[in-house]
Full PDB file with SEQRES, HELIX, SHEET, SSBOND, CRYST1, ORIGX, SCALE, CONECT and MASTER records, all heavy atoms in Angstrom:
SEQRES   1 A   33  ASP GLU VAL ASN ALA GLU LEU GLY LEU ASP VAL GLU GLY          
SEQRES   2 A   33  GLU LEU VAL PHE CYS SER ARG SER GLY ARG PRO GLY GLN          
SEQRES   3 A   33  PRO TRP LEU GLU PRO ASP VAL                                  
HELIX    1 AA1 GLU A    2  LEU A    7  1                                   6    
CRYST1    1.000    1.000    1.000  90.00  90.00  90.00 P 1           1          
ORIGX1      1.000000  0.000000  0.000000        0.00000                         
ORIGX2      0.000000  1.000000  0.000000        0.00000                         
ORIGX3      0.000000  0.000000  1.000000        0.00000                         
SCALE1      1.000000  0.000000  0.000000        0.00000                         
SCALE2      0.000000  1.000000  0.000000        0.00000                         
SCALE3      0.000000  0.000000  1.000000        0.00000                         
ATOM      1  N   ASP A   1     144.284  44.483  41.016  1.00  0.00           N  
ATOM      2  CA  ASP A   1     145.109  45.453  40.285  1.00  0.00           C  
ATOM      3  C   ASP A   1     146.447  45.682  40.992  1.00  0.00           C  
ATOM      4  O   ASP A   1     147.503  45.762  40.342  1.00  0.00           O  
ATOM      5  CB  ASP A   1     144.365  46.782  40.149  1.00  0.00           C  
ATOM      6  CG  ASP A   1     143.181  46.704  39.195  1.00  0.00           C  
ATOM      7  OD1 ASP A   1     143.097  45.732  38.420  1.00  0.00           O  
ATOM      8  OD2 ASP A   1     142.336  47.629  39.242  1.00  0.00           O  
ATOM      9  N   GLU A   2     146.403  45.784  42.309  1.00  0.00           N  
ATOM     10  CA  GLU A   2     147.612  46.078  43.071  1.00  0.00           C  
ATOM     11  C   GLU A   2     148.625  44.934  42.992  1.00  0.00           C  
ATOM     12  O   GLU A   2     149.817  45.160  42.770  1.00  0.00           O  
ATOM     13  CB  GLU A   2     147.248  46.348  44.539  1.00  0.00           C  
ATOM     14  CG  GLU A   2     146.523  47.649  44.771  1.00  0.00           C  
ATOM     15  CD  GLU A   2     147.469  48.830  44.846  1.00  0.00           C  
ATOM     16  OE1 GLU A   2     148.605  48.658  45.321  1.00  0.00           O  
ATOM     17  OE2 GLU A   2     147.059  49.938  44.442  1.00  0.00           O  
ATOM     18  N   VAL A   3     148.166  43.700  43.200  1.00  0.00           N  
ATOM     19  CA  VAL A   3     149.118  42.579  43.204  1.00  0.00           C  
ATOM     20  C   VAL A   3     149.625  42.295  41.796  1.00  0.00           C  
ATOM     21  O   VAL A   3     150.798  41.903  41.614  1.00  0.00           O  
ATOM     22  CB  VAL A   3     148.513  41.311  43.848  1.00  0.00           C  
ATOM     23  CG1 VAL A   3     148.166  41.569  45.302  1.00  0.00           C  
ATOM     24  CG2 VAL A   3     147.303  40.795  43.093  1.00  0.00           C  
ATOM     25  N   ASN A   4     148.786  42.483  40.789  1.00  0.00           N  
ATOM     26  CA  ASN A   4     149.266  42.314  39.416  1.00  0.00           C  
ATOM     27  C   ASN A   4     150.363  43.319  39.098  1.00  0.00           C  
ATOM     28  O   ASN A   4     151.390  42.975  38.484  1.00  0.00           O  
ATOM     29  CB  ASN A   4     148.109  42.468  38.433  1.00  0.00           C  
ATOM     30  CG  ASN A   4     147.298  41.200  38.269  1.00  0.00           C  
ATOM     31  OD1 ASN A   4     147.811  40.092  38.461  1.00  0.00           O  
ATOM     32  ND2 ASN A   4     146.027  41.330  37.921  1.00  0.00           N  
ATOM     33  N   ALA A   5     150.171  44.549  39.540  1.00  0.00           N  
ATOM     34  CA  ALA A   5     151.177  45.579  39.282  1.00  0.00           C  
ATOM     35  C   ALA A   5     152.469  45.294  40.043  1.00  0.00           C  
ATOM     36  O   ALA A   5     153.571  45.451  39.504  1.00  0.00           O  
ATOM     37  CB  ALA A   5     150.632  46.948  39.671  1.00  0.00           C  
ATOM     38  N   GLU A   6     152.351  44.840  41.287  1.00  0.00           N  
ATOM     39  CA  GLU A   6     153.537  44.591  42.102  1.00  0.00           C  
ATOM     40  C   GLU A   6     154.325  43.392  41.617  1.00  0.00           C  
ATOM     41  O   GLU A   6     155.563  43.400  41.629  1.00  0.00           O  
ATOM     42  CB  GLU A   6     153.140  44.405  43.563  1.00  0.00           C  
ATOM     43  CG  GLU A   6     154.327  44.200  44.500  1.00  0.00           C  
ATOM     44  CD  GLU A   6     153.961  44.320  45.955  1.00  0.00           C  
ATOM     45  OE1 GLU A   6     152.874  44.858  46.271  1.00  0.00           O  
ATOM     46  OE2 GLU A   6     154.759  43.881  46.802  1.00  0.00           O  
ATOM     47  N   LEU A   7     153.615  42.337  41.179  1.00  0.00           N  
ATOM     48  CA  LEU A   7     154.288  41.097  40.794  1.00  0.00           C  
ATOM     49  C   LEU A   7     154.461  40.944  39.286  1.00  0.00           C  
ATOM     50  O   LEU A   7     155.044  39.954  38.823  1.00  0.00           O  
ATOM     51  CB  LEU A   7     153.507  39.897  41.337  1.00  0.00           C  
ATOM     52  CG  LEU A   7     153.408  39.812  42.868  1.00  0.00           C  
ATOM     53  CD1 LEU A   7     152.518  38.640  43.273  1.00  0.00           C  
ATOM     54  CD2 LEU A   7     154.789  39.684  43.501  1.00  0.00           C  
ATOM     55  N   GLY A   8     153.969  41.890  38.505  1.00  0.00           N  
ATOM     56  CA  GLY A   8     154.082  41.791  37.057  1.00  0.00           C  
ATOM     57  C   GLY A   8     153.246  40.661  36.484  1.00  0.00           C  
ATOM     58  O   GLY A   8     153.672  39.997  35.535  1.00  0.00           O  
ATOM     59  N   LEU A   9     152.049  40.467  37.034  1.00  0.00           N  
ATOM     60  CA  LEU A   9     151.178  39.374  36.603  1.00  0.00           C  
ATOM     61  C   LEU A   9     149.920  39.933  35.944  1.00  0.00           C  
ATOM     62  O   LEU A   9     149.716  41.146  35.873  1.00  0.00           O  
ATOM     63  CB  LEU A   9     150.787  38.508  37.810  1.00  0.00           C  
ATOM     64  CG  LEU A   9     151.917  37.842  38.594  1.00  0.00           C  
ATOM     65  CD1 LEU A   9     151.360  37.148  39.835  1.00  0.00           C  
ATOM     66  CD2 LEU A   9     152.651  36.837  37.708  1.00  0.00           C  
ATOM     67  N   ASP A  10     149.075  39.020  35.492  1.00  0.00           N  
ATOM     68  CA  ASP A  10     147.778  39.389  34.933  1.00  0.00           C  
ATOM     69  C   ASP A  10     146.742  38.366  35.389  1.00  0.00           C  
ATOM     70  O   ASP A  10     145.949  37.871  34.596  1.00  0.00           O  
ATOM     71  CB  ASP A  10     147.859  39.438  33.399  1.00  0.00           C  
ATOM     72  CG  ASP A  10     146.596  40.042  32.790  1.00  0.00           C  
ATOM     73  OD1 ASP A  10     145.925  40.839  33.479  1.00  0.00           O  
ATOM     74  OD2 ASP A  10     146.277  39.707  31.636  1.00  0.00           O  
ATOM     75  N   VAL A  11     146.771  38.045  36.692  1.00  0.00           N  
ATOM     76  CA  VAL A  11     145.824  37.059  37.215  1.00  0.00           C  
ATOM     77  C   VAL A  11     144.439  37.677  37.326  1.00  0.00           C  
ATOM     78  O   VAL A  11     144.278  38.904  37.395  1.00  0.00           O  
ATOM     79  CB  VAL A  11     146.278  36.518  38.593  1.00  0.00           C  
ATOM     80  CG1 VAL A  11     147.627  35.834  38.491  1.00  0.00           C  
ATOM     81  CG2 VAL A  11     146.311  37.626  39.625  1.00  0.00           C  
ATOM     82  N   GLU A  12     143.441  36.825  37.359  1.00  0.00           N  
ATOM     83  CA  GLU A  12     142.053  37.267  37.509  1.00  0.00           C  
ATOM     84  C   GLU A  12     141.573  36.950  38.923  1.00  0.00           C  
ATOM     85  O   GLU A  12     142.044  36.013  39.560  1.00  0.00           O  
ATOM     86  CB  GLU A  12     141.147  36.564  36.502  1.00  0.00           C  
ATOM     87  CG  GLU A  12     141.466  36.897  35.058  1.00  0.00           C  
ATOM     88  CD  GLU A  12     140.534  36.183  34.089  1.00  0.00           C  
ATOM     89  OE1 GLU A  12     139.456  35.711  34.544  1.00  0.00           O  
ATOM     90  OE2 GLU A  12     140.880  36.085  32.907  1.00  0.00           O  
ATOM     91  N   GLY A  13     140.635  37.754  39.397  1.00  0.00           N  
ATOM     92  CA  GLY A  13     140.013  37.521  40.691  1.00  0.00           C  
ATOM     93  C   GLY A  13     138.509  37.573  40.571  1.00  0.00           C  
ATOM     94  O   GLY A  13     137.977  38.240  39.673  1.00  0.00           O  
ATOM     95  N   GLU A  14     137.826  36.877  41.455  1.00  0.00           N  
ATOM     96  CA  GLU A  14     136.367  36.884  41.444  1.00  0.00           C  
ATOM     97  C   GLU A  14     135.842  36.651  42.849  1.00  0.00           C  
ATOM     98  O   GLU A  14     136.549  36.114  43.718  1.00  0.00           O  
ATOM     99  CB  GLU A  14     135.823  35.811  40.494  1.00  0.00           C  
ATOM    100  CG  GLU A  14     136.254  34.396  40.845  1.00  0.00           C  
ATOM    101  CD  GLU A  14     135.782  33.391  39.806  1.00  0.00           C  
ATOM    102  OE1 GLU A  14     134.612  32.975  39.894  1.00  0.00           O  
ATOM    103  OE2 GLU A  14     136.593  33.026  38.919  1.00  0.00           O  
ATOM    104  N   LEU A  15     134.605  37.050  43.089  1.00  0.00           N  
ATOM    105  CA  LEU A  15     133.982  36.926  44.399  1.00  0.00           C  
ATOM    106  C   LEU A  15     133.180  35.634  44.487  1.00  0.00           C  
ATOM    107  O   LEU A  15     132.371  35.328  43.591  1.00  0.00           O  
ATOM    108  CB  LEU A  15     133.061  38.125  44.653  1.00  0.00           C  
ATOM    109  CG  LEU A  15     132.354  38.166  46.010  1.00  0.00           C  
ATOM    110  CD1 LEU A  15     133.368  38.295  47.150  1.00  0.00           C  
ATOM    111  CD2 LEU A  15     131.360  39.326  46.049  1.00  0.00           C  
ATOM    112  N   VAL A  16     133.405  34.873  45.562  1.00  0.00           N  
ATOM    113  CA  VAL A  16     132.648  33.660  45.839  1.00  0.00           C  
ATOM    114  C   VAL A  16     132.231  33.703  47.311  1.00  0.00           C  
ATOM    115  O   VAL A  16     132.636  34.585  48.067  1.00  0.00           O  
ATOM    116  CB  VAL A  16     133.459  32.381  45.532  1.00  0.00           C  
ATOM    117  CG1 VAL A  16     133.815  32.304  44.064  1.00  0.00           C  
ATOM    118  CG2 VAL A  16     134.708  32.305  46.394  1.00  0.00           C  
ATOM    119  N   PHE A  17     131.445  32.693  47.726  1.00  0.00           N  
ATOM    120  CA  PHE A  17     130.816  32.756  49.039  1.00  0.00           C  
ATOM    121  C   PHE A  17     130.977  31.437  49.794  1.00  0.00           C  
ATOM    122  O   PHE A  17     131.226  30.390  49.207  1.00  0.00           O  
ATOM    123  CB  PHE A  17     129.333  33.095  48.887  1.00  0.00           C  
ATOM    124  CG  PHE A  17     129.103  34.395  48.150  1.00  0.00           C  
ATOM    125  CD1 PHE A  17     128.956  34.400  46.770  1.00  0.00           C  
ATOM    126  CD2 PHE A  17     129.085  35.595  48.827  1.00  0.00           C  
ATOM    127  CE1 PHE A  17     128.772  35.588  46.080  1.00  0.00           C  
ATOM    128  CE2 PHE A  17     128.911  36.790  48.144  1.00  0.00           C  
ATOM    129  CZ  PHE A  17     128.752  36.786  46.769  1.00  0.00           C  
ATOM    130  N   CYS A  18     130.832  31.535  51.122  1.00  0.00           N  
ATOM    131  CA  CYS A  18     130.911  30.345  51.971  1.00  0.00           C  
ATOM    132  C   CYS A  18     129.855  30.433  53.063  1.00  0.00           C  
ATOM    133  O   CYS A  18     129.187  31.457  53.221  1.00  0.00           O  
ATOM    134  CB  CYS A  18     132.311  30.209  52.587  1.00  0.00           C  
ATOM    135  SG  CYS A  18     132.697  31.449  53.842  1.00  0.00           S  
ATOM    136  N   SER A  19     129.709  29.341  53.801  1.00  0.00           N  
ATOM    137  CA  SER A  19     128.900  29.316  55.034  1.00  0.00           C  
ATOM    138  C   SER A  19     127.416  29.575  54.810  1.00  0.00           C  
ATOM    139  O   SER A  19     126.736  30.159  55.650  1.00  0.00           O  
ATOM    140  CB  SER A  19     129.438  30.332  56.047  1.00  0.00           C  
ATOM    141  OG  SER A  19     130.809  30.161  56.258  1.00  0.00           O  
ATOM    142  N   ARG A  20     126.887  29.117  53.674  1.00  0.00           N  
ATOM    143  CA  ARG A  20     125.457  29.267  53.449  1.00  0.00           C  
ATOM    144  C   ARG A  20     124.683  28.487  54.496  1.00  0.00           C  
ATOM    145  O   ARG A  20     125.044  27.382  54.875  1.00  0.00           O  
ATOM    146  CB  ARG A  20     125.078  28.737  52.068  1.00  0.00           C  
ATOM    147  CG  ARG A  20     123.631  29.034  51.702  1.00  0.00           C  
ATOM    148  CD  ARG A  20     123.036  27.998  50.774  1.00  0.00           C  
ATOM    149  NE  ARG A  20     121.739  28.385  50.257  1.00  0.00           N  
ATOM    150  CZ  ARG A  20     120.601  28.309  50.944  1.00  0.00           C  
ATOM    151  NH1 ARG A  20     120.602  27.875  52.191  1.00  0.00           N  
ATOM    152  NH2 ARG A  20     119.452  28.689  50.398  1.00  0.00           N  
ATOM    153  N   SER A  21     123.602  29.075  54.997  1.00  0.00           N  
ATOM    154  CA  SER A  21     122.713  28.370  55.928  1.00  0.00           C  
ATOM    155  C   SER A  21     121.290  28.781  55.589  1.00  0.00           C  
ATOM    156  O   SER A  21     121.040  29.354  54.534  1.00  0.00           O  
ATOM    157  CB  SER A  21     123.066  28.701  57.382  1.00  0.00           C  
ATOM    158  OG  SER A  21     122.955  30.084  57.632  1.00  0.00           O  
ATOM    159  N   GLY A  22     120.343  28.478  56.472  1.00  0.00           N  
ATOM    160  CA  GLY A  22     118.973  28.873  56.187  1.00  0.00           C  
ATOM    161  C   GLY A  22     118.199  27.804  55.433  1.00  0.00           C  
ATOM    162  O   GLY A  22     118.705  26.731  55.114  1.00  0.00           O  
ATOM    163  N   ARG A  23     116.951  28.109  55.136  1.00  0.00           N  
ATOM    164  CA  ARG A  23     116.062  27.154  54.473  1.00  0.00           C  
ATOM    165  C   ARG A  23     116.568  26.839  53.066  1.00  0.00           C  
ATOM    166  O   ARG A  23     117.036  27.746  52.353  1.00  0.00           O  
ATOM    167  CB  ARG A  23     114.638  27.714  54.398  1.00  0.00           C  
ATOM    168  CG  ARG A  23     114.018  28.018  55.758  1.00  0.00           C  
ATOM    169  CD  ARG A  23     112.552  28.444  55.606  1.00  0.00           C  
ATOM    170  NE  ARG A  23     112.410  29.579  54.703  1.00  0.00           N  
ATOM    171  CZ  ARG A  23     112.551  30.850  55.075  1.00  0.00           C  
ATOM    172  NH1 ARG A  23     112.879  31.155  56.308  1.00  0.00           N  
ATOM    173  NH2 ARG A  23     112.373  31.827  54.197  1.00  0.00           N  
ATOM    174  N   PRO A  24     116.454  25.584  52.626  1.00  0.00           N  
ATOM    175  CA  PRO A  24     116.969  25.203  51.308  1.00  0.00           C  
ATOM    176  C   PRO A  24     116.384  26.020  50.158  1.00  0.00           C  
ATOM    177  O   PRO A  24     117.068  26.301  49.184  1.00  0.00           O  
ATOM    178  CB  PRO A  24     116.580  23.723  51.189  1.00  0.00           C  
ATOM    179  CG  PRO A  24     116.476  23.251  52.606  1.00  0.00           C  
ATOM    180  CD  PRO A  24     115.936  24.414  53.382  1.00  0.00           C  
ATOM    181  N   GLY A  25     115.108  26.410  50.270  1.00  0.00           N  
ATOM    182  CA  GLY A  25     114.475  27.133  49.177  1.00  0.00           C  
ATOM    183  C   GLY A  25     114.737  28.626  49.175  1.00  0.00           C  
ATOM    184  O   GLY A  25     114.343  29.323  48.239  1.00  0.00           O  
ATOM    185  N   GLN A  26     115.404  29.139  50.199  1.00  0.00           N  
ATOM    186  CA  GLN A  26     115.659  30.573  50.285  1.00  0.00           C  
ATOM    187  C   GLN A  26     116.888  30.939  49.462  1.00  0.00           C  
ATOM    188  O   GLN A  26     117.950  30.344  49.645  1.00  0.00           O  
ATOM    189  CB  GLN A  26     115.869  30.975  51.747  1.00  0.00           C  
ATOM    190  CG  GLN A  26     116.065  32.475  51.951  1.00  0.00           C  
ATOM    191  CD  GLN A  26     116.332  32.821  53.406  1.00  0.00           C  
ATOM    192  OE1 GLN A  26     116.958  32.062  54.137  1.00  0.00           O  
ATOM    193  NE2 GLN A  26     115.837  33.974  53.836  1.00  0.00           N  
ATOM    194  N   PRO A  27     116.777  31.895  48.561  1.00  0.00           N  
ATOM    195  CA  PRO A  27     117.943  32.268  47.742  1.00  0.00           C  
ATOM    196  C   PRO A  27     119.035  32.936  48.584  1.00  0.00           C  
ATOM    197  O   PRO A  27     118.762  33.878  49.337  1.00  0.00           O  
ATOM    198  CB  PRO A  27     117.363  33.251  46.717  1.00  0.00           C  
ATOM    199  CG  PRO A  27     115.882  33.051  46.760  1.00  0.00           C  
ATOM    200  CD  PRO A  27     115.567  32.638  48.157  1.00  0.00           C  
ATOM    201  N   TRP A  28     120.263  32.455  48.438  1.00  0.00           N  
ATOM    202  CA  TRP A  28     121.429  33.042  49.087  1.00  0.00           C  
ATOM    203  C   TRP A  28     122.439  33.379  47.997  1.00  0.00           C  
ATOM    204  O   TRP A  28     122.372  32.878  46.877  1.00  0.00           O  
ATOM    205  CB  TRP A  28     122.043  32.065  50.087  1.00  0.00           C  
ATOM    206  CG  TRP A  28     121.313  32.003  51.408  1.00  0.00           C  
ATOM    207  CD1 TRP A  28     119.996  31.707  51.609  1.00  0.00           C  
ATOM    208  CD2 TRP A  28     121.858  32.238  52.711  1.00  0.00           C  
ATOM    209  NE1 TRP A  28     119.679  31.741  52.940  1.00  0.00           N  
ATOM    210  CE2 TRP A  28     120.806  32.056  53.648  1.00  0.00           C  
ATOM    211  CE3 TRP A  28     123.123  32.564  53.180  1.00  0.00           C  
ATOM    212  CZ2 TRP A  28     121.002  32.218  55.025  1.00  0.00           C  
ATOM    213  CZ3 TRP A  28     123.321  32.717  54.549  1.00  0.00           C  
ATOM    214  CH2 TRP A  28     122.261  32.557  55.460  1.00  0.00           C  
ATOM    215  N   LEU A  29     123.393  34.228  48.346  1.00  0.00           N  
ATOM    216  CA  LEU A  29     124.404  34.641  47.379  1.00  0.00           C  
ATOM    217  C   LEU A  29     125.255  33.454  46.944  1.00  0.00           C  
ATOM    218  O   LEU A  29     125.664  32.631  47.757  1.00  0.00           O  
ATOM    219  CB  LEU A  29     125.290  35.730  47.977  1.00  0.00           C  
ATOM    220  CG  LEU A  29     124.587  37.060  48.283  1.00  0.00           C  
ATOM    221  CD1 LEU A  29     125.545  38.013  48.987  1.00  0.00           C  
ATOM    222  CD2 LEU A  29     124.038  37.702  47.016  1.00  0.00           C  
ATOM    223  N   GLU A  30     125.544  33.383  45.663  1.00  0.00           N  
ATOM    224  CA  GLU A  30     126.344  32.317  45.054  1.00  0.00           C  
ATOM    225  C   GLU A  30     127.337  32.948  44.083  1.00  0.00           C  
ATOM    226  O   GLU A  30     127.208  34.124  43.734  1.00  0.00           O  
ATOM    227  CB  GLU A  30     125.414  31.344  44.295  1.00  0.00           C  
ATOM    228  CG  GLU A  30     124.436  30.619  45.188  1.00  0.00           C  
ATOM    229  CD  GLU A  30     123.494  29.717  44.400  1.00  0.00           C  
ATOM    230  OE1 GLU A  30     123.274  29.998  43.194  1.00  0.00           O  
ATOM    231  OE2 GLU A  30     122.976  28.750  44.973  1.00  0.00           O  
ATOM    232  N   PRO A  31     128.373  32.194  43.636  1.00  0.00           N  
ATOM    233  CA  PRO A  31     128.576  30.754  43.799  1.00  0.00           C  
ATOM    234  C   PRO A  31     129.294  30.403  45.103  1.00  0.00           C  
ATOM    235  O   PRO A  31     130.052  31.215  45.641  1.00  0.00           O  
ATOM    236  CB  PRO A  31     129.473  30.404  42.600  1.00  0.00           C  
ATOM    237  CG  PRO A  31     130.289  31.646  42.410  1.00  0.00           C  
ATOM    238  CD  PRO A  31     129.350  32.787  42.705  1.00  0.00           C  
ATOM    239  N   ASP A  32     129.049  29.193  45.565  1.00  0.00           N  
ATOM    240  CA  ASP A  32     129.762  28.666  46.714  1.00  0.00           C  
ATOM    241  C   ASP A  32     131.213  28.395  46.324  1.00  0.00           C  
ATOM    242  O   ASP A  32     131.503  27.981  45.195  1.00  0.00           O  
ATOM    243  CB  ASP A  32     129.095  27.378  47.183  1.00  0.00           C  
ATOM    244  CG  ASP A  32     129.834  26.737  48.337  1.00  0.00           C  
ATOM    245  OD1 ASP A  32     129.682  27.216  49.474  1.00  0.00           O  
ATOM    246  OD2 ASP A  32     130.596  25.777  48.092  1.00  0.00           O  
ATOM    247  N   VAL A  33     132.127  28.624  47.249  1.00  0.00           N  
ATOM    248  CA  VAL A  33     133.548  28.465  46.956  1.00  0.00           C  
ATOM    249  C   VAL A  33     133.883  27.053  46.483  1.00  0.00           C  
ATOM    250  O   VAL A  33     134.692  26.861  45.568  1.00  0.00           O  
ATOM    251  CB  VAL A  33     134.409  28.859  48.176  1.00  0.00           C  
ATOM    252  CG1 VAL A  33     134.077  28.018  49.406  1.00  0.00           C  
ATOM    253  CG2 VAL A  33     135.887  28.794  47.854  1.00  0.00           C  
TER     254      VAL A  33                                                      
MASTER        0    0    0    1    0    0    0    6  253    1    0    3          
END                                                                             
């Protein structure tokens, strides 16, 4: 909201994740970047 207001834009943002580790079958937060 802040950068859109400052720059006069309407870009979208979303949360993604990195550095997944642990057992392959264990659920981790996604999506990966």
